[in-house]
Amino acid sequence: MIYAYHRESGDLVARVFGKRNTNTVRELGCKIKALGLKWGGLLTDNWKSFKRAFSNTHHVIGKEGTKGIESNNCRLRHRIRRAFRQTCCFSKKMENHIKAFELAFYYINYGHI
């Protein structure tokens, strides 16, 4: 899963499930554009797929801009782990895993930490 995070609001705006490759990153870019979001800059780590997919945007590479998303990653892992513990034996169906992520995104975006 790759997702886009709005730095000022803390919202997780778009997400894509797929392989860790350039096509998945491009799909994320299309989702962001479909939402009509505009950005002044894109902050990512030094992953080649981001460089390829977002080569025509203002792209800043480095850890300085990605600190906020690391805290969201931690919060997301915490939410997903809670889902695993509460259901005791989590389903093997991919749809159920995606629903768990969607529920975690809902809780993060609407302030139910």
C-alpha atoms as a PDB file:
ATOM      1  CA  MET A   1       0.000   0.000   0.000  1.00  0.00           C
ATOM      2  CA  ILE A   2       1.182   3.493  -0.878  1.00  0.00           C
ATOM      3  CA  TYR A   3      -0.683   6.540   0.358  1.00  0.00           C
ATOM      4  CA  ALA A   4      -0.637  10.311   0.160  1.00  0.00           C
ATOM      5  CA  TYR A   5      -0.628  12.387   3.329  1.00  0.00           C
ATOM      6  CA  HIS A   6      -1.607  16.054   3.594  1.00  0.00           C
ATOM      7  CA  ARG A   7       1.030  17.585   5.811  1.00  0.00           C
ATOM      8  CA  GLU A   8      -0.955  20.517   7.199  1.00  0.00           C
ATOM      9  CA  SER A   9      -4.261  18.776   7.974  1.00  0.00           C
ATOM     10  CA  GLY A  10      -2.823  15.351   8.811  1.00  0.00           C
ATOM     11  CA  ASP A  11      -5.364  13.649   6.540  1.00  0.00           C
ATOM     12  CA  LEU A  12      -4.564  10.560   4.526  1.00  0.00           C
ATOM     13  CA  VAL A  13      -6.012  11.666   1.197  1.00  0.00           C
ATOM     14  CA  ALA A  14      -5.436   8.814  -1.244  1.00  0.00           C
ATOM     15  CA  ARG A  15      -4.223   5.240  -1.167  1.00  0.00           C
ATOM     16  CA  VAL A  16      -3.348   2.521  -3.629  1.00  0.00           C
ATOM     17  CA  PHE A  17      -2.871  -1.182  -3.044  1.00  0.00           C
ATOM     18  CA  GLY A  18      -0.451  -2.923  -5.354  1.00  0.00           C
ATOM     19  CA  LYS A  19       3.101  -3.981  -6.000  1.00  0.00           C
ATOM     20  CA  ARG A  20       5.936  -1.691  -5.002  1.00  0.00           C
ATOM     21  CA  ASN A  21       6.620  -0.357  -8.484  1.00  0.00           C
ATOM     22  CA  THR A  22       6.259   2.713 -10.694  1.00  0.00           C
ATOM     23  CA  ASN A  23       2.807   1.742 -11.991  1.00  0.00           C
ATOM     24  CA  THR A  24       1.397   1.746  -8.467  1.00  0.00           C
ATOM     25  CA  VAL A  25       2.917   5.180  -7.801  1.00  0.00           C
ATOM     26  CA  ARG A  26       1.448   6.492 -11.062  1.00  0.00           C
ATOM     27  CA  GLU A  27      -1.941   5.120 -10.030  1.00  0.00           C
ATOM     28  CA  LEU A  28      -1.623   7.073  -6.765  1.00  0.00           C
ATOM     29  CA  GLY A  29      -0.825  10.209  -8.760  1.00  0.00           C
ATOM     30  CA  CYS A  30      -3.943   9.682 -10.877  1.00  0.00           C
ATOM     31  CA  LYS A  31      -6.079   9.310  -7.756  1.00  0.00           C
ATOM     32  CA  ILE A  32      -4.696  12.540  -6.328  1.00  0.00           C
ATOM     33  CA  LYS A  33      -5.416  14.386  -9.585  1.00  0.00           C
ATOM     34  CA  ALA A  34      -8.919  12.880  -9.767  1.00  0.00           C
ATOM     35  CA  LEU A  35      -9.642  14.331  -6.318  1.00  0.00           C
ATOM     36  CA  GLY A  36      -8.730  17.751  -7.681  1.00  0.00           C
ATOM     37  CA  LEU A  37      -5.998  18.297  -5.131  1.00  0.00           C
ATOM     38  CA  LYS A  38      -3.277  20.775  -5.902  1.00  0.00           C
ATOM     39  CA  TRP A  39       0.073  20.785  -4.196  1.00  0.00           C
ATOM     40  CA  GLY A  40       2.951  23.190  -3.993  1.00  0.00           C
ATOM     41  CA  GLY A  41       5.473  20.428  -3.620  1.00  0.00           C
ATOM     42  CA  LEU A  42       5.791  16.717  -3.192  1.00  0.00           C
ATOM     43  CA  LEU A  43       7.937  15.397  -0.355  1.00  0.00           C
ATOM     44  CA  THR A  44       9.176  11.822  -0.717  1.00  0.00           C
ATOM     45  CA  ASP A  45      12.063   9.605   0.138  1.00  0.00           C
ATOM     46  CA  ASN A  46      14.723   8.695  -2.407  1.00  0.00           C
ATOM     47  CA  TRP A  47      12.748   5.945  -4.159  1.00  0.00           C
ATOM     48  CA  LYS A  48      13.243   5.764  -7.938  1.00  0.00           C
ATOM     49  CA  SER A  49       9.561   5.091  -8.649  1.00  0.00           C
ATOM     50  CA  PHE A  50       8.594   8.444  -7.109  1.00  0.00           C
ATOM     51  CA  LYS A  51      11.245  10.180  -9.207  1.00  0.00           C
ATOM     52  CA  ARG A  52       9.890   8.605 -12.387  1.00  0.00           C
ATOM     53  CA  ALA A  53       6.188   9.070 -11.668  1.00  0.00           C
ATOM     54  CA  PHE A  54       6.411  12.661 -10.413  1.00  0.00           C
ATOM     55  CA  SER A  55       9.240  13.983 -12.561  1.00  0.00           C
ATOM     56  CA  ASN A  56       7.176  16.931 -13.850  1.00  0.00           C
ATOM     57  CA  THR A  57       6.210  18.266 -10.378  1.00  0.00           C
ATOM     58  CA  HIS A  58       8.107  20.179  -7.709  1.00  0.00           C
ATOM     59  CA  HIS A  59       9.648  17.183  -5.995  1.00  0.00           C
ATOM     60  CA  VAL A  60      11.687  17.427  -2.783  1.00  0.00           C
ATOM     61  CA  ILE A  61      13.602  14.329  -1.735  1.00  0.00           C
ATOM     62  CA  GLY A  62      14.807  13.839   1.813  1.00  0.00           C
ATOM     63  CA  LYS A  63      13.944  12.860   5.360  1.00  0.00           C
ATOM     64  CA  GLU A  64      13.232  16.433   6.471  1.00  0.00           C
ATOM     65  CA  GLY A  65       9.905  16.466   4.664  1.00  0.00           C
ATOM     66  CA  THR A  66       8.883  12.899   5.429  1.00  0.00           C
ATOM     67  CA  LYS A  67       8.972  13.004   9.240  1.00  0.00           C
ATOM     68  CA  GLY A  68       5.225  13.591   9.470  1.00  0.00           C
ATOM     69  CA  ILE A  69       4.350  10.579   7.393  1.00  0.00           C
ATOM     70  CA  GLU A  70       6.531   8.398   9.627  1.00  0.00           C
ATOM     71  CA  SER A  71       4.290   9.243  12.593  1.00  0.00           C
ATOM     72  CA  ASN A  72       1.272   8.380  10.453  1.00  0.00           C
ATOM     73  CA  ASN A  73       2.897   5.067   9.548  1.00  0.00           C
ATOM     74  CA  CYS A  74       3.293   4.325  13.248  1.00  0.00           C
ATOM     75  CA  ARG A  75      -0.319   5.277  13.967  1.00  0.00           C
ATOM     76  CA  LEU A  76      -1.527   3.184  11.025  1.00  0.00           C
ATOM     77  CA  ARG A  77       0.456   0.145  12.191  1.00  0.00           C
ATOM     78  CA  HIS A  78      -1.047   0.582  15.657  1.00  0.00           C
ATOM     79  CA  ARG A  79      -4.609   0.673  14.271  1.00  0.00           C
ATOM     80  CA  ILE A  80      -4.078  -2.360  12.059  1.00  0.00           C
ATOM     81  CA  ARG A  81      -2.484  -4.333  14.914  1.00  0.00           C
ATOM     82  CA  ARG A  82      -5.505  -3.548  17.058  1.00  0.00           C
ATOM     83  CA  ALA A  83      -7.747  -5.020  14.339  1.00  0.00           C
ATOM     84  CA  PHE A  84      -5.623  -8.165  14.303  1.00  0.00           C
ATOM     85  CA  ARG A  85      -5.816  -8.545  18.084  1.00  0.00           C
ATOM     86  CA  GLN A  86      -9.537  -7.883  18.350  1.00  0.00           C
ATOM     87  CA  THR A  87     -10.533 -10.402  15.730  1.00  0.00           C
ATOM     88  CA  CYS A  88      -8.202 -13.022  17.213  1.00  0.00           C
ATOM     89  CA  CYS A  89      -7.634 -14.753  13.900  1.00  0.00           C
ATOM     90  CA  PHE A  90      -7.731 -12.266  11.067  1.00  0.00           C
ATOM     91  CA  SER A  91      -9.187 -13.309   7.744  1.00  0.00           C
ATOM     92  CA  LYS A  92      -6.994 -14.407   4.856  1.00  0.00           C
ATOM     93  CA  LYS A  93      -9.205 -12.554   2.368  1.00  0.00           C
ATOM     94  CA  MET A  94      -7.601  -9.474   0.838  1.00  0.00           C
ATOM     95  CA  GLU A  95     -10.950  -7.631   0.937  1.00  0.00           C
ATOM     96  CA  ASN A  96     -10.985  -7.850   4.727  1.00  0.00           C
ATOM     97  CA  HIS A  97      -7.447  -6.479   4.965  1.00  0.00           C
ATOM     98  CA  ILE A  98      -8.405  -3.560   2.723  1.00  0.00           C
ATOM     99  CA  LYS A  99     -11.487  -2.887   4.870  1.00  0.00           C
ATOM    100  CA  ALA A 100      -9.248  -2.816   7.970  1.00  0.00           C
ATOM    101  CA  PHE A 101      -7.047  -0.180   6.309  1.00  0.00           C
ATOM    102  CA  GLU A 102     -10.103   1.835   5.252  1.00  0.00           C
ATOM    103  CA  LEU A 103     -11.391   1.765   8.815  1.00  0.00           C
ATOM    104  CA  ALA A 104      -7.990   2.900  10.122  1.00  0.00           C
ATOM    105  CA  PHE A 105      -7.937   5.743   7.564  1.00  0.00           C
ATOM    106  CA  TYR A 106     -11.409   6.806   8.683  1.00  0.00           C
ATOM    107  CA  TYR A 107     -10.354   6.926  12.331  1.00  0.00           C
ATOM    108  CA  ILE A 108      -7.185   8.874  11.537  1.00  0.00           C
ATOM    109  CA  ASN A 109      -8.874  11.385   9.216  1.00  0.00           C
ATOM    110  CA  TYR A 110     -11.831  12.103  11.472  1.00  0.00           C
ATOM    111  CA  GLY A 111      -9.944  12.465  14.737  1.00  0.00           C
ATOM    112  CA  HIS A 112     -10.745   9.199  16.451  1.00  0.00           C
ATOM    113  CA  ILE A 113      -7.195   8.462  17.553  1.00  0.00           C
END
